[in-house]
């Protein structure tokens, strides 16, 4: 069984390059005990230079259905390769027929 510390450690190892290779992939966003919404990873963008230590900050954008719009909060997401992650996502508006959500990594 994976504990919260292990999941946090996994999230800390993710980079913009990790997500850039997955653009176009589908993620399952858990919205309830038996309910998920499918999100497509549409962008992975660097947000500046790498600090002296740690990873460079970056953001990822996901597109999901226009409704329902999920409020900003931490959600469990599942991906075939990455496994289960918990990310804070924020709806940033509609684009190309879907609602776009952003997660920022610092």
PDB file of N, CA and C in Angstrom:
ATOM      1  N   UNK A   1       0.843  -1.185   0.000  1.00  0.00           N
ATOM      2  CA  UNK A   1       0.000   0.000   0.000  1.00  0.00           C
ATOM      3  C   UNK A   1       0.887   1.247   0.000  1.00  0.00           C
ATOM      4  N   UNK A   2       0.543   2.222  -0.804  1.00  0.00           N
ATOM      5  CA  UNK A   2       1.304   3.467  -0.902  1.00  0.00           C
ATOM      6  C   UNK A   2       0.754   4.461   0.115  1.00  0.00           C
ATOM      7  N   UNK A   3       1.647   5.052   0.909  1.00  0.00           N
ATOM      8  CA  UNK A   3       1.170   6.048   1.861  1.00  0.00           C
ATOM      9  C   UNK A   3       1.276   7.432   1.243  1.00  0.00           C
ATOM     10  N   UNK A   4       0.764   8.443   1.970  1.00  0.00           N
ATOM     11  CA  UNK A   4       0.748   9.805   1.447  1.00  0.00           C
ATOM     12  C   UNK A   4       2.142  10.325   1.158  1.00  0.00           C
ATOM     13  N   UNK A   5       3.117   9.984   2.008  1.00  0.00           N
ATOM     14  CA  UNK A   5       4.487  10.441   1.798  1.00  0.00           C
ATOM     15  C   UNK A   5       5.034   9.895   0.487  1.00  0.00           C
ATOM     16  N   UNK A   6       4.770   8.622   0.190  1.00  0.00           N
ATOM     17  CA  UNK A   6       5.238   8.047  -1.070  1.00  0.00           C
ATOM     18  C   UNK A   6       4.632   8.759  -2.265  1.00  0.00           C
ATOM     19  N   UNK A   7       3.335   9.085  -2.200  1.00  0.00           N
ATOM     20  CA  UNK A   7       2.686   9.793  -3.303  1.00  0.00           C
ATOM     21  C   UNK A   7       3.277  11.183  -3.461  1.00  0.00           C
ATOM     22  N   UNK A   8       3.531  11.868  -2.354  1.00  0.00           N
ATOM     23  CA  UNK A   8       4.151  13.193  -2.422  1.00  0.00           C
ATOM     24  C   UNK A   8       5.532  13.102  -3.039  1.00  0.00           C
ATOM     25  N   UNK A   9       6.290  12.058  -2.687  1.00  0.00           N
ATOM     26  CA  UNK A   9       7.619  11.876  -3.259  1.00  0.00           C
ATOM     27  C   UNK A   9       7.541  11.689  -4.769  1.00  0.00           C
ATOM     28  N   UNK A  10       6.549  10.932  -5.241  1.00  0.00           N
ATOM     29  CA  UNK A  10       6.382  10.716  -6.679  1.00  0.00           C
ATOM     30  C   UNK A  10       6.081  12.038  -7.372  1.00  0.00           C
ATOM     31  N   UNK A  11       5.175  12.821  -6.823  1.00  0.00           N
ATOM     32  CA  UNK A  11       4.821  14.115  -7.421  1.00  0.00           C
ATOM     33  C   UNK A  11       6.056  15.013  -7.482  1.00  0.00           C
ATOM     34  N   UNK A  12       6.908  14.968  -6.470  1.00  0.00           N
ATOM     35  CA  UNK A  12       8.111  15.803  -6.449  1.00  0.00           C
ATOM     36  C   UNK A  12       9.106  15.430  -7.545  1.00  0.00           C
ATOM     37  N   UNK A  13       9.038  14.215  -8.063  1.00  0.00           N
ATOM     38  CA  UNK A  13       9.970  13.793  -9.119  1.00  0.00           C
ATOM     39  C   UNK A  13       9.482  14.154 -10.519  1.00  0.00           C
ATOM     40  N   UNK A  14       8.242  14.590 -10.646  1.00  0.00           N
ATOM     41  CA  UNK A  14       7.687  14.906 -11.967  1.00  0.00           C
ATOM     42  C   UNK A  14       8.278  16.209 -12.489  1.00  0.00           C
ATOM     43  N   UNK A  15       8.511  16.246 -13.800  1.00  0.00           N
ATOM     44  CA  UNK A  15       9.073  17.427 -14.448  1.00  0.00           C
ATOM     45  C   UNK A  15       8.226  17.782 -15.666  1.00  0.00           C
ATOM     46  N   UNK A  16       8.504  18.953 -16.234  1.00  0.00           N
ATOM     47  CA  UNK A  16       7.808  19.349 -17.453  1.00  0.00           C
ATOM     48  C   UNK A  16       8.081  18.337 -18.567  1.00  0.00           C
ATOM     49  N   UNK A  17       9.277  17.768 -18.582  1.00  0.00           N
ATOM     50  CA  UNK A  17       9.605  16.768 -19.605  1.00  0.00           C
ATOM     51  C   UNK A  17       8.761  15.505 -19.432  1.00  0.00           C
ATOM     52  N   UNK A  18       8.506  15.122 -18.178  1.00  0.00           N
ATOM     53  CA  UNK A  18       7.650  13.959 -17.914  1.00  0.00           C
ATOM     54  C   UNK A  18       6.299  14.150 -18.591  1.00  0.00           C
ATOM     55  N   UNK A  19       5.698  15.318 -18.367  1.00  0.00           N
ATOM     56  CA  UNK A  19       4.365  15.571 -18.912  1.00  0.00           C
ATOM     57  C   UNK A  19       4.399  15.868 -20.410  1.00  0.00           C
ATOM     58  N   UNK A  20       5.461  16.498 -20.907  1.00  0.00           N
ATOM     59  CA  UNK A  20       5.542  16.809 -22.343  1.00  0.00           C
ATOM     60  C   UNK A  20       5.426  15.533 -23.177  1.00  0.00           C
ATOM     61  N   UNK A  21       5.972  14.450 -22.670  1.00  0.00           N
ATOM     62  CA  UNK A  21       5.896  13.166 -23.383  1.00  0.00           C
ATOM     63  C   UNK A  21       4.490  12.570 -23.358  1.00  0.00           C
ATOM     64  N   UNK A  22       3.633  13.087 -22.490  1.00  0.00           N
ATOM     65  CA  UNK A  22       2.291  12.531 -22.315  1.00  0.00           C
ATOM     66  C   UNK A  22       1.184  13.401 -22.905  1.00  0.00           C
ATOM     67  N   UNK A  23       1.543  14.513 -23.566  1.00  0.00           N
ATOM     68  CA  UNK A  23       0.521  15.371 -24.170  1.00  0.00           C
ATOM     69  C   UNK A  23      -0.326  14.527 -25.122  1.00  0.00           C
ATOM     70  N   UNK A  24      -1.636  14.647 -24.973  1.00  0.00           N
ATOM     71  CA  UNK A  24      -2.573  13.848 -25.755  1.00  0.00           C
ATOM     72  C   UNK A  24      -3.109  12.648 -24.991  1.00  0.00           C
ATOM     73  N   UNK A  25      -2.441  12.284 -23.893  1.00  0.00           N
ATOM     74  CA  UNK A  25      -2.895  11.154 -23.079  1.00  0.00           C
ATOM     75  C   UNK A  25      -4.108  11.530 -22.246  1.00  0.00           C
ATOM     76  N   UNK A  26      -4.839  10.516 -21.825  1.00  0.00           N
ATOM     77  CA  UNK A  26      -6.038  10.683 -21.000  1.00  0.00           C
ATOM     78  C   UNK A  26      -5.721  10.385 -19.536  1.00  0.00           C
ATOM     79  N   UNK A  27      -6.334  11.169 -18.663  1.00  0.00           N
ATOM     80  CA  UNK A  27      -6.240  10.997 -17.223  1.00  0.00           C
ATOM     81  C   UNK A  27      -7.650  10.856 -16.682  1.00  0.00           C
ATOM     82  N   UNK A  28      -7.827  10.026 -15.661  1.00  0.00           N
ATOM     83  CA  UNK A  28      -9.131   9.865 -15.022  1.00  0.00           C
ATOM     84  C   UNK A  28      -9.130  10.684 -13.738  1.00  0.00           C
ATOM     85  N   UNK A  29      -9.986  11.697 -13.681  1.00  0.00           N
ATOM     86  CA  UNK A  29     -10.131  12.561 -12.516  1.00  0.00           C
ATOM     87  C   UNK A  29     -11.256  11.996 -11.654  1.00  0.00           C
ATOM     88  N   UNK A  30     -10.925  11.621 -10.433  1.00  0.00           N
ATOM     89  CA  UNK A  30     -11.927  11.062  -9.534  1.00  0.00           C
ATOM     90  C   UNK A  30     -12.744  12.187  -8.918  1.00  0.00           C
ATOM     91  N   UNK A  31     -14.063  12.124  -9.116  1.00  0.00           N
ATOM     92  CA  UNK A  31     -14.957  13.151  -8.585  1.00  0.00           C
ATOM     93  C   UNK A  31     -15.923  12.583  -7.547  1.00  0.00           C
ATOM     94  N   UNK A  32     -15.765  11.337  -7.215  1.00  0.00           N
ATOM     95  CA  UNK A  32     -16.623  10.700  -6.221  1.00  0.00           C
ATOM     96  C   UNK A  32     -16.214   9.248  -6.077  1.00  0.00           C
ATOM     97  N   UNK A  33     -16.867   8.533  -5.163  1.00  0.00           N
ATOM     98  CA  UNK A  33     -16.475   7.143  -4.912  1.00  0.00           C
ATOM     99  C   UNK A  33     -16.501   6.264  -6.166  1.00  0.00           C
ATOM    100  N   UNK A  34     -17.458   6.474  -7.021  1.00  0.00           N
ATOM    101  CA  UNK A  34     -17.578   5.655  -8.229  1.00  0.00           C
ATOM    102  C   UNK A  34     -17.704   6.489  -9.487  1.00  0.00           C
ATOM    103  N   UNK A  35     -17.221   7.744  -9.453  1.00  0.00           N
ATOM    104  CA  UNK A  35     -17.393   8.631 -10.602  1.00  0.00           C
ATOM    105  C   UNK A  35     -16.056   9.244 -11.007  1.00  0.00           C
ATOM    106  N   UNK A  36     -15.803   9.239 -12.305  1.00  0.00           N
ATOM    107  CA  UNK A  36     -14.604   9.873 -12.842  1.00  0.00           C
ATOM    108  C   UNK A  36     -14.979  10.717 -14.046  1.00  0.00           C
ATOM    109  N   UNK A  37     -14.127  11.683 -14.329  1.00  0.00           N
ATOM    110  CA  UNK A  37     -14.228  12.496 -15.537  1.00  0.00           C
ATOM    111  C   UNK A  37     -12.915  12.329 -16.283  1.00  0.00           C
ATOM    112  N   UNK A  38     -13.010  12.143 -17.579  1.00  0.00           N
ATOM    113  CA  UNK A  38     -11.800  11.994 -18.385  1.00  0.00           C
ATOM    114  C   UNK A  38     -11.255  13.364 -18.770  1.00  0.00           C
ATOM    115  N   UNK A  39      -9.959  13.558 -18.509  1.00  0.00           N
ATOM    116  CA  UNK A  39      -9.250  14.767 -18.905  1.00  0.00           C
ATOM    117  C   UNK A  39      -8.163  14.391 -19.893  1.00  0.00           C
ATOM    118  N   UNK A  40      -7.944  15.253 -20.873  1.00  0.00           N
ATOM    119  CA  UNK A  40      -6.847  15.077 -21.820  1.00  0.00           C
ATOM    120  C   UNK A  40      -5.753  16.083 -21.481  1.00  0.00           C
ATOM    121  N   UNK A  41      -4.525  15.605 -21.379  1.00  0.00           N
ATOM    122  CA  UNK A  41      -3.395  16.505 -21.171  1.00  0.00           C
ATOM    123  C   UNK A  41      -3.140  17.230 -22.487  1.00  0.00           C
ATOM    124  N   UNK A  42      -3.241  18.572 -22.482  1.00  0.00           N
ATOM    125  CA  UNK A  42      -3.105  19.317 -23.733  1.00  0.00           C
ATOM    126  C   UNK A  42      -1.833  20.155 -23.807  1.00  0.00           C
ATOM    127  N   UNK A  43      -1.218  20.471 -22.665  1.00  0.00           N
ATOM    128  CA  UNK A  43       0.015  21.267 -22.685  1.00  0.00           C
ATOM    129  C   UNK A  43       0.839  20.978 -21.443  1.00  0.00           C
ATOM    130  N   UNK A  44       2.161  21.111 -21.598  1.00  0.00           N
ATOM    131  CA  UNK A  44       3.112  21.098 -20.482  1.00  0.00           C
ATOM    132  C   UNK A  44       4.081  22.238 -20.755  1.00  0.00           C
ATOM    133  N   UNK A  45       4.113  23.236 -19.855  1.00  0.00           N
ATOM    134  CA  UNK A  45       4.865  24.467 -20.117  1.00  0.00           C
ATOM    135  C   UNK A  45       5.813  24.815 -18.976  1.00  0.00           C
ATOM    136  N   UNK A  46       7.085  25.112 -19.300  1.00  0.00           N
ATOM    137  CA  UNK A  46       7.992  25.596 -18.261  1.00  0.00           C
ATOM    138  C   UNK A  46       7.549  26.985 -17.799  1.00  0.00           C
ATOM    139  N   UNK A  47       7.826  27.297 -16.538  1.00  0.00           N
ATOM    140  CA  UNK A  47       7.423  28.592 -15.982  1.00  0.00           C
ATOM    141  C   UNK A  47       8.609  29.448 -15.565  1.00  0.00           C
ATOM    142  N   UNK A  48       9.779  29.076 -15.946  1.00  0.00           N
ATOM    143  CA  UNK A  48      10.941  29.873 -15.576  1.00  0.00           C
ATOM    144  C   UNK A  48      12.173  29.003 -15.454  1.00  0.00           C
ATOM    145  N   UNK A  49      13.242  29.624 -15.046  1.00  0.00           N
ATOM    146  CA  UNK A  49      14.515  28.922 -14.930  1.00  0.00           C
ATOM    147  C   UNK A  49      14.517  28.016 -13.699  1.00  0.00           C
ATOM    148  N   UNK A  50      15.344  27.002 -13.779  1.00  0.00           N
ATOM    149  CA  UNK A  50      15.518  26.091 -12.653  1.00  0.00           C
ATOM    150  C   UNK A  50      16.180  26.859 -11.508  1.00  0.00           C
ATOM    151  N   UNK A  51      15.639  26.713 -10.300  1.00  0.00           N
ATOM    152  CA  UNK A  51      16.286  27.356  -9.157  1.00  0.00           C
ATOM    153  C   UNK A  51      17.604  26.640  -8.841  1.00  0.00           C
ATOM    154  N   UNK A  52      18.349  27.165  -7.884  1.00  0.00           N
ATOM    155  CA  UNK A  52      19.621  26.550  -7.502  1.00  0.00           C
ATOM    156  C   UNK A  52      19.456  25.088  -7.119  1.00  0.00           C
ATOM    157  N   UNK A  53      18.344  24.778  -6.491  1.00  0.00           N
ATOM    158  CA  UNK A  53      18.071  23.391  -6.099  1.00  0.00           C
ATOM    159  C   UNK A  53      16.666  23.026  -6.529  1.00  0.00           C
ATOM    160  N   UNK A  54      16.447  21.772  -6.742  1.00  0.00           N
ATOM    161  CA  UNK A  54      15.104  21.309  -7.081  1.00  0.00           C
ATOM    162  C   UNK A  54      14.798  21.434  -8.566  1.00  0.00           C
ATOM    163  N   UNK A  55      13.557  21.175  -8.892  1.00  0.00           N
ATOM    164  CA  UNK A  55      13.141  21.187 -10.290  1.00  0.00           C
ATOM    165  C   UNK A  55      12.696  22.584 -10.720  1.00  0.00           C
ATOM    166  N   UNK A  56      12.701  22.794 -12.018  1.00  0.00           N
ATOM    167  CA  UNK A  56      12.186  24.043 -12.580  1.00  0.00           C
ATOM    168  C   UNK A  56      10.661  24.034 -12.479  1.00  0.00           C
ATOM    169  N   UNK A  57      10.050  25.163 -12.156  1.00  0.00           N
ATOM    170  CA  UNK A  57       8.586  25.215 -12.074  1.00  0.00           C
ATOM    171  C   UNK A  57       7.955  25.046 -13.464  1.00  0.00           C
ATOM    172  N   UNK A  58       6.757  24.461 -13.474  1.00  0.00           N
ATOM    173  CA  UNK A  58       6.057  24.257 -14.743  1.00  0.00           C
ATOM    174  C   UNK A  58       4.568  24.138 -14.476  1.00  0.00           C
ATOM    175  N   UNK A  59       3.800  24.233 -15.558  1.00  0.00           N
ATOM    176  CA  UNK A  59       2.358  24.025 -15.455  1.00  0.00           C
ATOM    177  C   UNK A  59       1.929  22.997 -16.491  1.00  0.00           C
ATOM    178  N   UNK A  60       0.814  22.361 -16.206  1.00  0.00           N
ATOM    179  CA  UNK A  60       0.193  21.451 -17.162  1.00  0.00           C
ATOM    180  C   UNK A  60      -1.260  21.861 -17.323  1.00  0.00           C
ATOM    181  N   UNK A  61      -1.767  21.702 -18.533  1.00  0.00           N
ATOM    182  CA  UNK A  61      -3.163  22.004 -18.831  1.00  0.00           C
ATOM    183  C   UNK A  61      -3.872  20.739 -19.277  1.00  0.00           C
ATOM    184  N   UNK A  62      -5.053  20.546 -18.721  1.00  0.00           N
ATOM    185  CA  UNK A  62      -5.910  19.427 -19.085  1.00  0.00           C
ATOM    186  C   UNK A  62      -7.207  19.989 -19.649  1.00  0.00           C
ATOM    187  N   UNK A  63      -7.801  19.266 -20.600  1.00  0.00           N
ATOM    188  CA  UNK A  63      -9.124  19.649 -21.104  1.00  0.00           C
ATOM    189  C   UNK A  63     -10.094  18.518 -20.801  1.00  0.00           C
ATOM    190  N   UNK A  64     -11.252  18.919 -20.226  1.00  0.00           N
ATOM    191  CA  UNK A  64     -12.306  17.962 -19.921  1.00  0.00           C
ATOM    192  C   UNK A  64     -13.617  18.447 -20.511  1.00  0.00           C
ATOM    193  N   UNK A  65     -14.709  17.812 -20.128  1.00  0.00           N
ATOM    194  CA  UNK A  65     -16.012  18.246 -20.638  1.00  0.00           C
ATOM    195  C   UNK A  65     -16.360  19.647 -20.135  1.00  0.00           C
ATOM    196  N   UNK A  66     -17.206  20.342 -20.878  1.00  0.00           N
ATOM    197  CA  UNK A  66     -17.640  21.696 -20.472  1.00  0.00           C
ATOM    198  C   UNK A  66     -18.423  21.682 -19.165  1.00  0.00           C
ATOM    199  N   UNK A  67     -19.147  20.615 -18.916  1.00  0.00           N
ATOM    200  CA  UNK A  67     -19.923  20.511 -17.682  1.00  0.00           C
ATOM    201  C   UNK A  67     -19.850  19.075 -17.184  1.00  0.00           C
ATOM    202  N   UNK A  68     -19.823  18.890 -15.897  1.00  0.00           N
ATOM    203  CA  UNK A  68     -19.793  19.932 -14.877  1.00  0.00           C
ATOM    204  C   UNK A  68     -18.396  20.540 -14.767  1.00  0.00           C
ATOM    205  N   UNK A  69     -18.338  21.798 -14.343  1.00  0.00           N
ATOM    206  CA  UNK A  69     -17.056  22.447 -14.082  1.00  0.00           C
ATOM    207  C   UNK A  69     -16.642  22.069 -12.663  1.00  0.00           C
ATOM    208  N   UNK A  70     -15.482  21.471 -12.548  1.00  0.00           N
ATOM    209  CA  UNK A  70     -14.992  21.051 -11.244  1.00  0.00           C
ATOM    210  C   UNK A  70     -14.335  22.240 -10.549  1.00  0.00           C
ATOM    211  N   UNK A  71     -14.695  22.508  -9.279  1.00  0.00           N
ATOM    212  CA  UNK A  71     -14.084  23.629  -8.572  1.00  0.00           C
ATOM    213  C   UNK A  71     -12.611  23.350  -8.266  1.00  0.00           C
ATOM    214  N   UNK A  72     -11.856  24.417  -8.022  1.00  0.00           N
ATOM    215  CA  UNK A  72     -10.449  24.224  -7.690  1.00  0.00           C
ATOM    216  C   UNK A  72     -10.323  23.494  -6.362  1.00  0.00           C
ATOM    217  N   UNK A  73      -9.484  22.460  -6.362  1.00  0.00           N
ATOM    218  CA  UNK A  73      -9.153  21.685  -5.163  1.00  0.00           C
ATOM    219  C   UNK A  73      -8.194  20.571  -5.552  1.00  0.00           C
ATOM    220  N   UNK A  74      -7.806  19.785  -4.584  1.00  0.00           N
ATOM    221  CA  UNK A  74      -6.956  18.634  -4.844  1.00  0.00           C
ATOM    222  C   UNK A  74      -7.846  17.478  -5.286  1.00  0.00           C
ATOM    223  N   UNK A  75      -7.466  16.857  -6.408  1.00  0.00           N
ATOM    224  CA  UNK A  75      -8.197  15.717  -6.945  1.00  0.00           C
ATOM    225  C   UNK A  75      -7.251  14.544  -7.163  1.00  0.00           C
ATOM    226  N   UNK A  76      -7.742  13.337  -6.952  1.00  0.00           N
ATOM    227  CA  UNK A  76      -6.978  12.166  -7.374  1.00  0.00           C
ATOM    228  C   UNK A  76      -7.102  12.013  -8.893  1.00  0.00           C
ATOM    229  N   UNK A  77      -5.978  11.813  -9.544  1.00  0.00           N
ATOM    230  CA  UNK A  77      -5.951  11.539 -10.980  1.00  0.00           C
ATOM    231  C   UNK A  77      -5.227  10.222 -11.196  1.00  0.00           C
ATOM    232  N   UNK A  78      -5.658   9.490 -12.196  1.00  0.00           N
ATOM    233  CA  UNK A  78      -5.003   8.234 -12.540  1.00  0.00           C
ATOM    234  C   UNK A  78      -4.578   8.282 -14.000  1.00  0.00           C
ATOM    235  N   UNK A  79      -3.392   7.752 -14.250  1.00  0.00           N
ATOM    236  CA  UNK A  79      -2.847   7.672 -15.600  1.00  0.00           C
ATOM    237  C   UNK A  79      -2.203   6.304 -15.772  1.00  0.00           C
ATOM    238  N   UNK A  80      -2.311   5.777 -16.975  1.00  0.00           N
ATOM    239  CA  UNK A  80      -1.807   4.433 -17.262  1.00  0.00           C
ATOM    240  C   UNK A  80      -0.332   4.271 -16.899  1.00  0.00           C
ATOM    241  N   UNK A  81       0.491   5.252 -17.208  1.00  0.00           N
ATOM    242  CA  UNK A  81       1.927   5.163 -16.948  1.00  0.00           C
ATOM    243  C   UNK A  81       2.310   5.738 -15.592  1.00  0.00           C
ATOM    244  N   UNK A  82       1.782   6.911 -15.240  1.00  0.00           N
ATOM    245  CA  UNK A  82       2.170   7.583 -14.002  1.00  0.00           C
ATOM    246  C   UNK A  82       1.524   6.980 -12.767  1.00  0.00           C
ATOM    247  N   UNK A  83       0.425   6.282 -12.937  1.00  0.00           N
ATOM    248  CA  UNK A  83      -0.290   5.731 -11.791  1.00  0.00           C
ATOM    249  C   UNK A  83      -1.193   6.774 -11.173  1.00  0.00           C
ATOM    250  N   UNK A  84      -1.371   6.706  -9.856  1.00  0.00           N
ATOM    251  CA  UNK A  84      -2.259   7.616  -9.132  1.00  0.00           C
ATOM    252  C   UNK A  84      -1.482   8.810  -8.602  1.00  0.00           C
ATOM    253  N   UNK A  85      -2.046   9.992  -8.811  1.00  0.00           N
ATOM    254  CA  UNK A  85      -1.471  11.248  -8.328  1.00  0.00           C
ATOM    255  C   UNK A  85      -2.565  12.053  -7.677  1.00  0.00           C
ATOM    256  N   UNK A  86      -2.199  12.934  -6.786  1.00  0.00           N
ATOM    257  CA  UNK A  86      -3.134  13.914  -6.256  1.00  0.00           C
ATOM    258  C   UNK A  86      -2.606  15.279  -6.637  1.00  0.00           C
ATOM    259  N   UNK A  87      -3.405  16.021  -7.425  1.00  0.00           N
ATOM    260  CA  UNK A  87      -2.985  17.332  -7.914  1.00  0.00           C
ATOM    261  C   UNK A  87      -4.027  18.388  -7.585  1.00  0.00           C
ATOM    262  N   UNK A  88      -3.537  19.586  -7.274  1.00  0.00           N
ATOM    263  CA  UNK A  88      -4.414  20.743  -7.103  1.00  0.00           C
ATOM    264  C   UNK A  88      -4.653  21.309  -8.491  1.00  0.00           C
ATOM    265  N   UNK A  89      -5.901  21.255  -8.938  1.00  0.00           N
ATOM    266  CA  UNK A  89      -6.221  21.785 -10.260  1.00  0.00           C
ATOM    267  C   UNK A  89      -7.215  22.929 -10.134  1.00  0.00           C
ATOM    268  N   UNK A  90      -7.123  23.841 -11.105  1.00  0.00           N
ATOM    269  CA  UNK A  90      -7.944  25.050 -11.125  1.00  0.00           C
ATOM    270  C   UNK A  90      -8.587  25.168 -12.507  1.00  0.00           C
ATOM    271  N   UNK A  91      -9.909  25.356 -12.574  1.00  0.00           N
ATOM    272  CA  UNK A  91     -10.524  25.601 -13.881  1.00  0.00           C
ATOM    273  C   UNK A  91     -10.123  26.994 -14.362  1.00  0.00           C
ATOM    274  N   UNK A  92      -9.663  27.078 -15.631  1.00  0.00           N
ATOM    275  CA  UNK A  92      -9.245  28.389 -16.142  1.00  0.00           C
ATOM    276  C   UNK A  92     -10.100  28.869 -17.311  1.00  0.00           C
ATOM    277  N   UNK A  93     -11.056  28.072 -17.742  1.00  0.00           N
ATOM    278  CA  UNK A  93     -11.987  28.536 -18.757  1.00  0.00           C
ATOM    279  C   UNK A  93     -12.139  27.577 -19.914  1.00  0.00           C
ATOM    280  N   UNK A  94     -13.148  27.836 -20.740  1.00  0.00           N
ATOM    281  CA  UNK A  94     -13.409  26.968 -21.881  1.00  0.00           C
ATOM    282  C   UNK A  94     -12.415  27.204 -23.012  1.00  0.00           C
ATOM    283  N   UNK A  95     -12.122  26.126 -23.728  1.00  0.00           N
ATOM    284  CA  UNK A  95     -11.266  26.198 -24.914  1.00  0.00           C
ATOM    285  C   UNK A  95     -11.521  24.960 -25.770  1.00  0.00           C
ATOM    286  N   UNK A  96     -11.677  25.173 -27.067  1.00  0.00           N
ATOM    287  CA  UNK A  96     -11.817  24.072 -28.024  1.00  0.00           C
ATOM    288  C   UNK A  96     -12.876  23.054 -27.611  1.00  0.00           C
ATOM    289  N   UNK A  97     -14.017  23.553 -27.152  1.00  0.00           N
ATOM    290  CA  UNK A  97     -15.141  22.670 -26.848  1.00  0.00           C
ATOM    291  C   UNK A  97     -15.077  21.988 -25.499  1.00  0.00           C
ATOM    292  N   UNK A  98     -14.143  22.353 -24.643  1.00  0.00           N
ATOM    293  CA  UNK A  98     -14.058  21.735 -23.317  1.00  0.00           C
ATOM    294  C   UNK A  98     -13.615  22.745 -22.269  1.00  0.00           C
ATOM    295  N   UNK A  99     -13.653  22.328 -21.012  1.00  0.00           N
ATOM    296  CA  UNK A  99     -13.178  23.167 -19.910  1.00  0.00           C
ATOM    297  C   UNK A  99     -11.705  22.824 -19.657  1.00  0.00           C
ATOM    298  N   UNK A 100     -10.877  23.863 -19.530  1.00  0.00           N
ATOM    299  CA  UNK A 100      -9.444  23.689 -19.315  1.00  0.00           C
ATOM    300  C   UNK A 100      -9.136  23.873 -17.832  1.00  0.00           C
ATOM    301  N   UNK A 101      -8.308  22.978 -17.330  1.00  0.00           N
ATOM    302  CA  UNK A 101      -7.859  23.000 -15.941  1.00  0.00           C
ATOM    303  C   UNK A 101      -6.330  23.089 -15.927  1.00  0.00           C
ATOM    304  N   UNK A 102      -5.802  23.779 -14.905  1.00  0.00           N
ATOM    305  CA  UNK A 102      -4.359  23.937 -14.793  1.00  0.00           C
ATOM    306  C   UNK A 102      -3.871  23.402 -13.453  1.00  0.00           C
ATOM    307  N   UNK A 103      -2.700  22.759 -13.492  1.00  0.00           N
ATOM    308  CA  UNK A 103      -1.978  22.373 -12.283  1.00  0.00           C
ATOM    309  C   UNK A 103      -0.578  22.974 -12.405  1.00  0.00           C
ATOM    310  N   UNK A 104      -0.099  23.587 -11.323  1.00  0.00           N
ATOM    311  CA  UNK A 104       1.212  24.218 -11.317  1.00  0.00           C
ATOM    312  C   UNK A 104       2.119  23.457 -10.353  1.00  0.00           C
ATOM    313  N   UNK A 105       3.331  23.201 -10.810  1.00  0.00           N
ATOM    314  CA  UNK A 105       4.344  22.511 -10.023  1.00  0.00           C
ATOM    315  C   UNK A 105       5.477  23.483  -9.736  1.00  0.00           C
ATOM    316  N   UNK A 106       5.837  23.622  -8.463  1.00  0.00           N
ATOM    317  CA  UNK A 106       6.932  24.520  -8.090  1.00  0.00           C
ATOM    318  C   UNK A 106       8.088  23.741  -7.502  1.00  0.00           C
TER     319      UNK A 106
END
